[in-house]
Amino acid sequence: MQPEFEELIEISPLTERELETLELIVSGKSNTEIAEALFVTVGTVKTHVHNILQKLGVDDRTQAAVRALRSGLVT
């Protein structure tokens, strides 16, 4: 894991639900599909995605997925 990324995660760790959401993002699921899988609203998923992007320091879902895979945060 890159040192600056480790520092980001230490400062703002992902919650369990954010990690679940990130795993589904990595698997290519849409917000609607994530909402159905986690039994939450699409609005809640959008909030989780927003938080994930901020915590990982990325601009979009693709960058979040790449960073999660490269860092080993998600397998």
PDB file of N, CA and C in Angstrom:
ATOM      1  N   MET A   1       0.842  -1.182   0.000  1.00  0.00           N
ATOM      2  CA  MET A   1       0.000   0.000   0.000  1.00  0.00           C
ATOM      3  C   MET A   1       0.884   1.240   0.000  1.00  0.00           C
ATOM      4  N   GLN A   2       0.485   2.237  -0.772  1.00  0.00           N
ATOM      5  CA  GLN A   2       1.265   3.464  -0.849  1.00  0.00           C
ATOM      6  C   GLN A   2       1.170   4.218   0.478  1.00  0.00           C
ATOM      7  N   PRO A   3       2.283   4.797   0.950  1.00  0.00           N
ATOM      8  CA  PRO A   3       2.281   5.482   2.254  1.00  0.00           C
ATOM      9  C   PRO A   3       1.218   6.565   2.378  1.00  0.00           C
ATOM     10  N   GLU A   4       1.032   7.369   1.331  1.00  0.00           N
ATOM     11  CA  GLU A   4       0.036   8.439   1.418  1.00  0.00           C
ATOM     12  C   GLU A   4      -1.377   7.855   1.500  1.00  0.00           C
ATOM     13  N   PHE A   5      -1.587   6.709   0.858  1.00  0.00           N
ATOM     14  CA  PHE A   5      -2.894   6.062   0.922  1.00  0.00           C
ATOM     15  C   PHE A   5      -3.128   5.485   2.317  1.00  0.00           C
ATOM     16  N   GLU A   6      -2.112   4.861   2.879  1.00  0.00           N
ATOM     17  CA  GLU A   6      -2.216   4.330   4.240  1.00  0.00           C
ATOM     18  C   GLU A   6      -2.571   5.440   5.215  1.00  0.00           C
ATOM     19  N   GLU A   7      -1.951   6.584   5.042  1.00  0.00           N
ATOM     20  CA  GLU A   7      -2.216   7.723   5.919  1.00  0.00           C
ATOM     21  C   GLU A   7      -3.666   8.185   5.786  1.00  0.00           C
ATOM     22  N   LEU A   8      -4.153   8.248   4.555  1.00  0.00           N
ATOM     23  CA  LEU A   8      -5.551   8.628   4.319  1.00  0.00           C
ATOM     24  C   LEU A   8      -6.502   7.685   5.045  1.00  0.00           C
ATOM     25  N   ILE A   9      -6.267   6.391   4.912  1.00  0.00           N
ATOM     26  CA  ILE A   9      -7.141   5.390   5.523  1.00  0.00           C
ATOM     27  C   ILE A   9      -7.058   5.445   7.047  1.00  0.00           C
ATOM     28  N   GLU A  10      -5.892   5.734   7.583  1.00  0.00           N
ATOM     29  CA  GLU A  10      -5.758   5.850   9.037  1.00  0.00           C
ATOM     30  C   GLU A  10      -6.528   7.058   9.556  1.00  0.00           C
ATOM     31  N   ILE A  11      -6.495   8.150   8.819  1.00  0.00           N
ATOM     32  CA  ILE A  11      -7.183   9.371   9.243  1.00  0.00           C
ATOM     33  C   ILE A  11      -8.694   9.194   9.124  1.00  0.00           C
ATOM     34  N   SER A  12      -9.138   8.632   8.017  1.00  0.00           N
ATOM     35  CA  SER A  12     -10.573   8.455   7.758  1.00  0.00           C
ATOM     36  C   SER A  12     -10.850   7.024   7.305  1.00  0.00           C
ATOM     37  N   PRO A  13     -10.878   6.079   8.241  1.00  0.00           N
ATOM     38  CA  PRO A  13     -11.117   4.689   7.834  1.00  0.00           C
ATOM     39  C   PRO A  13     -12.525   4.513   7.268  1.00  0.00           C
ATOM     40  N   LEU A  14     -12.639   3.590   6.340  1.00  0.00           N
ATOM     41  CA  LEU A  14     -13.949   3.281   5.777  1.00  0.00           C
ATOM     42  C   LEU A  14     -14.757   2.486   6.794  1.00  0.00           C
ATOM     43  N   THR A  15     -16.051   2.780   6.852  1.00  0.00           N
ATOM     44  CA  THR A  15     -16.930   2.014   7.724  1.00  0.00           C
ATOM     45  C   THR A  15     -17.167   0.645   7.094  1.00  0.00           C
ATOM     46  N   GLU A  16     -17.748  -0.250   7.859  1.00  0.00           N
ATOM     47  CA  GLU A  16     -18.048  -1.588   7.336  1.00  0.00           C
ATOM     48  C   GLU A  16     -18.982  -1.480   6.127  1.00  0.00           C
ATOM     49  N   ARG A  17     -19.982  -0.618   6.207  1.00  0.00           N
ATOM     50  CA  ARG A  17     -20.945  -0.458   5.114  1.00  0.00           C
ATOM     51  C   ARG A  17     -20.274   0.171   3.891  1.00  0.00           C
ATOM     52  N   GLU A  18     -19.353   1.103   4.111  1.00  0.00           N
ATOM     53  CA  GLU A  18     -18.618   1.686   2.986  1.00  0.00           C
ATOM     54  C   GLU A  18     -17.753   0.635   2.307  1.00  0.00           C
ATOM     55  N   LEU A  19     -17.157  -0.257   3.081  1.00  0.00           N
ATOM     56  CA  LEU A  19     -16.363  -1.340   2.496  1.00  0.00           C
ATOM     57  C   LEU A  19     -17.244  -2.278   1.676  1.00  0.00           C
ATOM     58  N   GLU A  20     -18.431  -2.590   2.193  1.00  0.00           N
ATOM     59  CA  GLU A  20     -19.364  -3.435   1.441  1.00  0.00           C
ATOM     60  C   GLU A  20     -19.743  -2.752   0.128  1.00  0.00           C
ATOM     61  N   THR A  21     -20.001  -1.466   0.204  1.00  0.00           N
ATOM     62  CA  THR A  21     -20.347  -0.691  -0.989  1.00  0.00           C
ATOM     63  C   THR A  21     -19.183  -0.689  -1.970  1.00  0.00           C
ATOM     64  N   LEU A  22     -17.978  -0.488  -1.469  1.00  0.00           N
ATOM     65  CA  LEU A  22     -16.789  -0.466  -2.322  1.00  0.00           C
ATOM     66  C   LEU A  22     -16.591  -1.813  -3.017  1.00  0.00           C
ATOM     67  N   GLU A  23     -16.814  -2.901  -2.312  1.00  0.00           N
ATOM     68  CA  GLU A  23     -16.695  -4.226  -2.920  1.00  0.00           C
ATOM     69  C   GLU A  23     -17.678  -4.381  -4.082  1.00  0.00           C
ATOM     70  N   LEU A  24     -18.877  -3.859  -3.897  1.00  0.00           N
ATOM     71  CA  LEU A  24     -19.880  -3.944  -4.961  1.00  0.00           C
ATOM     72  C   LEU A  24     -19.534  -3.022  -6.129  1.00  0.00           C
ATOM     73  N   ILE A  25     -18.932  -1.869  -5.829  1.00  0.00           N
ATOM     74  CA  ILE A  25     -18.453  -0.979  -6.893  1.00  0.00           C
ATOM     75  C   ILE A  25     -17.386  -1.704  -7.713  1.00  0.00           C
ATOM     76  N   VAL A  26     -16.456  -2.346  -7.019  1.00  0.00           N
ATOM     77  CA  VAL A  26     -15.373  -3.079  -7.691  1.00  0.00           C
ATOM     78  C   VAL A  26     -15.941  -4.186  -8.583  1.00  0.00           C
ATOM     79  N   SER A  27     -17.042  -4.789  -8.141  1.00  0.00           N
ATOM     80  CA  SER A  27     -17.635  -5.865  -8.947  1.00  0.00           C
ATOM     81  C   SER A  27     -18.505  -5.330 -10.087  1.00  0.00           C
ATOM     82  N   GLY A  28     -18.564  -3.994 -10.229  1.00  0.00           N
ATOM     83  CA  GLY A  28     -19.235  -3.397 -11.374  1.00  0.00           C
ATOM     84  C   GLY A  28     -20.715  -3.108 -11.190  1.00  0.00           C
ATOM     85  N   LYS A  29     -21.199  -3.142  -9.965  1.00  0.00           N
ATOM     86  CA  LYS A  29     -22.620  -2.903  -9.699  1.00  0.00           C
ATOM     87  C   LYS A  29     -22.969  -1.420  -9.807  1.00  0.00           C
ATOM     88  N   SER A  30     -24.187  -1.156 -10.256  1.00  0.00           N
ATOM     89  CA  SER A  30     -24.700   0.217 -10.316  1.00  0.00           C
ATOM     90  C   SER A  30     -25.218   0.616  -8.934  1.00  0.00           C
ATOM     91  N   ASN A  31     -25.529   1.888  -8.766  1.00  0.00           N
ATOM     92  CA  ASN A  31     -26.090   2.338  -7.488  1.00  0.00           C
ATOM     93  C   ASN A  31     -27.381   1.596  -7.162  1.00  0.00           C
ATOM     94  N   THR A  32     -28.210   1.384  -8.162  1.00  0.00           N
ATOM     95  CA  THR A  32     -29.476   0.667  -7.947  1.00  0.00           C
ATOM     96  C   THR A  32     -29.215  -0.766  -7.505  1.00  0.00           C
ATOM     97  N   GLU A  33     -28.286  -1.428  -8.156  1.00  0.00           N
ATOM     98  CA  GLU A  33     -27.954  -2.812  -7.788  1.00  0.00           C
ATOM     99  C   GLU A  33     -27.347  -2.886  -6.385  1.00  0.00           C
ATOM    100  N   ILE A  34     -26.519  -1.916  -6.047  1.00  0.00           N
ATOM    101  CA  ILE A  34     -25.927  -1.866  -4.695  1.00  0.00           C
ATOM    102  C   ILE A  34     -27.029  -1.664  -3.668  1.00  0.00           C
ATOM    103  N   ALA A  35     -27.951  -0.753  -3.950  1.00  0.00           N
ATOM    104  CA  ALA A  35     -29.062  -0.491  -3.029  1.00  0.00           C
ATOM    105  C   ALA A  35     -29.871  -1.761  -2.781  1.00  0.00           C
ATOM    106  N   GLU A  36     -30.158  -2.501  -3.836  1.00  0.00           N
ATOM    107  CA  GLU A  36     -30.917  -3.745  -3.700  1.00  0.00           C
ATOM    108  C   GLU A  36     -30.142  -4.778  -2.898  1.00  0.00           C
ATOM    109  N   ALA A  37     -28.846  -4.880  -3.142  1.00  0.00           N
ATOM    110  CA  ALA A  37     -28.026  -5.869  -2.440  1.00  0.00           C
ATOM    111  C   ALA A  37     -27.898  -5.566  -0.952  1.00  0.00           C
ATOM    112  N   LEU A  38     -27.844  -4.274  -0.613  1.00  0.00           N
ATOM    113  CA  LEU A  38     -27.638  -3.879   0.784  1.00  0.00           C
ATOM    114  C   LEU A  38     -28.936  -3.491   1.494  1.00  0.00           C
ATOM    115  N   PHE A  39     -30.057  -3.564   0.768  1.00  0.00           N
ATOM    116  CA  PHE A  39     -31.368  -3.231   1.332  1.00  0.00           C
ATOM    117  C   PHE A  39     -31.417  -1.804   1.874  1.00  0.00           C
ATOM    118  N   VAL A  40     -30.917  -0.879   1.054  1.00  0.00           N
ATOM    119  CA  VAL A  40     -30.949   0.548   1.389  1.00  0.00           C
ATOM    120  C   VAL A  40     -31.459   1.307   0.170  1.00  0.00           C
ATOM    121  N   THR A  41     -31.678   2.604   0.325  1.00  0.00           N
ATOM    122  CA  THR A  41     -32.135   3.419  -0.803  1.00  0.00           C
ATOM    123  C   THR A  41     -30.954   3.809  -1.689  1.00  0.00           C
ATOM    124  N   VAL A  42     -31.276   4.195  -2.913  1.00  0.00           N
ATOM    125  CA  VAL A  42     -30.243   4.679  -3.835  1.00  0.00           C
ATOM    126  C   VAL A  42     -29.579   5.926  -3.246  1.00  0.00           C
ATOM    127  N   GLY A  43     -30.347   6.759  -2.564  1.00  0.00           N
ATOM    128  CA  GLY A  43     -29.790   7.953  -1.923  1.00  0.00           C
ATOM    129  C   GLY A  43     -28.735   7.602  -0.891  1.00  0.00           C
ATOM    130  N   THR A  44     -28.981   6.547  -0.124  1.00  0.00           N
ATOM    131  CA  THR A  44     -28.006   6.095   0.870  1.00  0.00           C
ATOM    132  C   THR A  44     -26.742   5.605   0.175  1.00  0.00           C
ATOM    133  N   VAL A  45     -26.907   4.890  -0.919  1.00  0.00           N
ATOM    134  CA  VAL A  45     -25.746   4.411  -1.680  1.00  0.00           C
ATOM    135  C   VAL A  45     -24.941   5.600  -2.185  1.00  0.00           C
ATOM    136  N   LYS A  46     -25.616   6.614  -2.707  1.00  0.00           N
ATOM    137  CA  LYS A  46     -24.913   7.803  -3.202  1.00  0.00           C
ATOM    138  C   LYS A  46     -24.114   8.466  -2.087  1.00  0.00           C
ATOM    139  N   THR A  47     -24.670   8.488  -0.880  1.00  0.00           N
ATOM    140  CA  THR A  47     -23.951   9.043   0.269  1.00  0.00           C
ATOM    141  C   THR A  47     -22.707   8.219   0.562  1.00  0.00           C
ATOM    142  N   HIS A  48     -22.861   6.894   0.557  1.00  0.00           N
ATOM    143  CA  HIS A  48     -21.705   6.020   0.809  1.00  0.00           C
ATOM    144  C   HIS A  48     -20.635   6.217  -0.258  1.00  0.00           C
ATOM    145  N   VAL A  49     -21.053   6.292  -1.524  1.00  0.00           N
ATOM    146  CA  VAL A  49     -20.102   6.470  -2.624  1.00  0.00           C
ATOM    147  C   VAL A  49     -19.369   7.799  -2.461  1.00  0.00           C
ATOM    148  N   HIS A  50     -20.102   8.842  -2.146  1.00  0.00           N
ATOM    149  CA  HIS A  50     -19.483  10.157  -1.918  1.00  0.00           C
ATOM    150  C   HIS A  50     -18.432  10.081  -0.812  1.00  0.00           C
ATOM    151  N   ASN A  51     -18.779   9.437   0.298  1.00  0.00           N
ATOM    152  CA  ASN A  51     -17.844   9.302   1.417  1.00  0.00           C
ATOM    153  C   ASN A  51     -16.618   8.489   1.027  1.00  0.00           C
ATOM    154  N   ILE A  52     -16.828   7.425   0.273  1.00  0.00           N
ATOM    155  CA  ILE A  52     -15.715   6.583  -0.184  1.00  0.00           C
ATOM    156  C   ILE A  52     -14.761   7.389  -1.053  1.00  0.00           C
ATOM    157  N   LEU A  53     -15.304   8.141  -1.995  1.00  0.00           N
ATOM    158  CA  LEU A  53     -14.466   8.939  -2.890  1.00  0.00           C
ATOM    159  C   LEU A  53     -13.636   9.940  -2.093  1.00  0.00           C
ATOM    160  N   GLN A  54     -14.267  10.591  -1.123  1.00  0.00           N
ATOM    161  CA  GLN A  54     -13.540  11.555  -0.288  1.00  0.00           C
ATOM    162  C   GLN A  54     -12.434  10.871   0.515  1.00  0.00           C
ATOM    163  N   LYS A  55     -12.769   9.766   1.154  1.00  0.00           N
ATOM    164  CA  LYS A  55     -11.801   9.083   2.014  1.00  0.00           C
ATOM    165  C   LYS A  55     -10.641   8.497   1.221  1.00  0.00           C
ATOM    166  N   LEU A  56     -10.901   8.057   0.001  1.00  0.00           N
ATOM    167  CA  LEU A  56      -9.832   7.490  -0.826  1.00  0.00           C
ATOM    168  C   LEU A  56      -9.089   8.553  -1.621  1.00  0.00           C
ATOM    169  N   GLY A  57      -9.616   9.766  -1.622  1.00  0.00           N
ATOM    170  CA  GLY A  57      -8.961  10.857  -2.327  1.00  0.00           C
ATOM    171  C   GLY A  57      -8.986  10.702  -3.832  1.00  0.00           C
ATOM    172  N   VAL A  58     -10.132  10.219  -4.349  1.00  0.00           N
ATOM    173  CA  VAL A  58     -10.271  10.010  -5.789  1.00  0.00           C
ATOM    174  C   VAL A  58     -11.484  10.781  -6.300  1.00  0.00           C
ATOM    175  N   ASP A  59     -11.587  10.877  -7.644  1.00  0.00           N
ATOM    176  CA  ASP A  59     -12.642  11.678  -8.264  1.00  0.00           C
ATOM    177  C   ASP A  59     -13.853  10.884  -8.732  1.00  0.00           C
ATOM    178  N   ASP A  60     -13.672   9.569  -8.961  1.00  0.00           N
ATOM    179  CA  ASP A  60     -14.808   8.803  -9.471  1.00  0.00           C
ATOM    180  C   ASP A  60     -14.723   7.341  -9.028  1.00  0.00           C
ATOM    181  N   ARG A  61     -15.788   6.615  -9.352  1.00  0.00           N
ATOM    182  CA  ARG A  61     -15.915   5.212  -8.938  1.00  0.00           C
ATOM    183  C   ARG A  61     -14.807   4.337  -9.513  1.00  0.00           C
ATOM    184  N   THR A  62     -14.425   4.600 -10.759  1.00  0.00           N
ATOM    185  CA  THR A  62     -13.381   3.799 -11.389  1.00  0.00           C
ATOM    186  C   THR A  62     -12.066   3.954 -10.643  1.00  0.00           C
ATOM    187  N   GLN A  63     -11.711   5.186 -10.314  1.00  0.00           N
ATOM    188  CA  GLN A  63     -10.486   5.424  -9.553  1.00  0.00           C
ATOM    189  C   GLN A  63     -10.570   4.767  -8.176  1.00  0.00           C
ATOM    190  N   ALA A  64     -11.735   4.805  -7.558  1.00  0.00           N
ATOM    191  CA  ALA A  64     -11.921   4.174  -6.251  1.00  0.00           C
ATOM    192  C   ALA A  64     -11.692   2.669  -6.360  1.00  0.00           C
ATOM    193  N   ALA A  65     -12.245   2.055  -7.409  1.00  0.00           N
ATOM    194  CA  ALA A  65     -12.085   0.614  -7.604  1.00  0.00           C
ATOM    195  C   ALA A  65     -10.623   0.248  -7.834  1.00  0.00           C
ATOM    196  N   VAL A  66      -9.956   1.019  -8.674  1.00  0.00           N
ATOM    197  CA  VAL A  66      -8.539   0.752  -8.954  1.00  0.00           C
ATOM    198  C   VAL A  66      -7.711   0.889  -7.682  1.00  0.00           C
ATOM    199  N   ARG A  67      -7.931   1.949  -6.942  1.00  0.00           N
ATOM    200  CA  ARG A  67      -7.178   2.173  -5.706  1.00  0.00           C
ATOM    201  C   ARG A  67      -7.456   1.059  -4.693  1.00  0.00           C
ATOM    202  N   ALA A  68      -8.692   0.635  -4.580  1.00  0.00           N
ATOM    203  CA  ALA A  68      -9.060  -0.419  -3.638  1.00  0.00           C
ATOM    204  C   ALA A  68      -8.384  -1.727  -3.996  1.00  0.00           C
ATOM    205  N   LEU A  69      -8.356  -2.047  -5.286  1.00  0.00           N
ATOM    206  CA  LEU A  69      -7.721  -3.299  -5.728  1.00  0.00           C
ATOM    207  C   LEU A  69      -6.204  -3.253  -5.568  1.00  0.00           C
ATOM    208  N   ARG A  70      -5.597  -2.160  -5.983  1.00  0.00           N
ATOM    209  CA  ARG A  70      -4.126  -2.041  -5.901  1.00  0.00           C
ATOM    210  C   ARG A  70      -3.630  -2.046  -4.475  1.00  0.00           C
ATOM    211  N   SER A  71      -4.416  -1.485  -3.578  1.00  0.00           N
ATOM    212  CA  SER A  71      -3.989  -1.383  -2.186  1.00  0.00           C
ATOM    213  C   SER A  71      -4.281  -2.645  -1.395  1.00  0.00           C
ATOM    214  N   GLY A  72      -5.119  -3.524  -1.950  1.00  0.00           N
ATOM    215  CA  GLY A  72      -5.518  -4.720  -1.214  1.00  0.00           C
ATOM    216  C   GLY A  72      -6.679  -4.467  -0.257  1.00  0.00           C
ATOM    217  N   LEU A  73      -7.258  -3.290  -0.335  1.00  0.00           N
ATOM    218  CA  LEU A  73      -8.387  -2.947   0.519  1.00  0.00           C
ATOM    219  C   LEU A  73      -9.571  -3.853   0.206  1.00  0.00           C
ATOM    220  N   VAL A  74      -9.709  -4.197  -1.080  1.00  0.00           N
ATOM    221  CA  VAL A  74     -10.742  -5.107  -1.556  1.00  0.00           C
ATOM    222  C   VAL A  74     -10.060  -6.133  -2.428  1.00  0.00           C
ATOM    223  N   THR A  75     -10.515  -7.376  -2.356  1.00  0.00           N
ATOM    224  CA  THR A  75      -9.899  -8.433  -3.177  1.00  0.00           C
ATOM    225  C   THR A  75     -10.826  -8.896  -4.268  1.00  0.00           C
TER     226      THR A  75
END
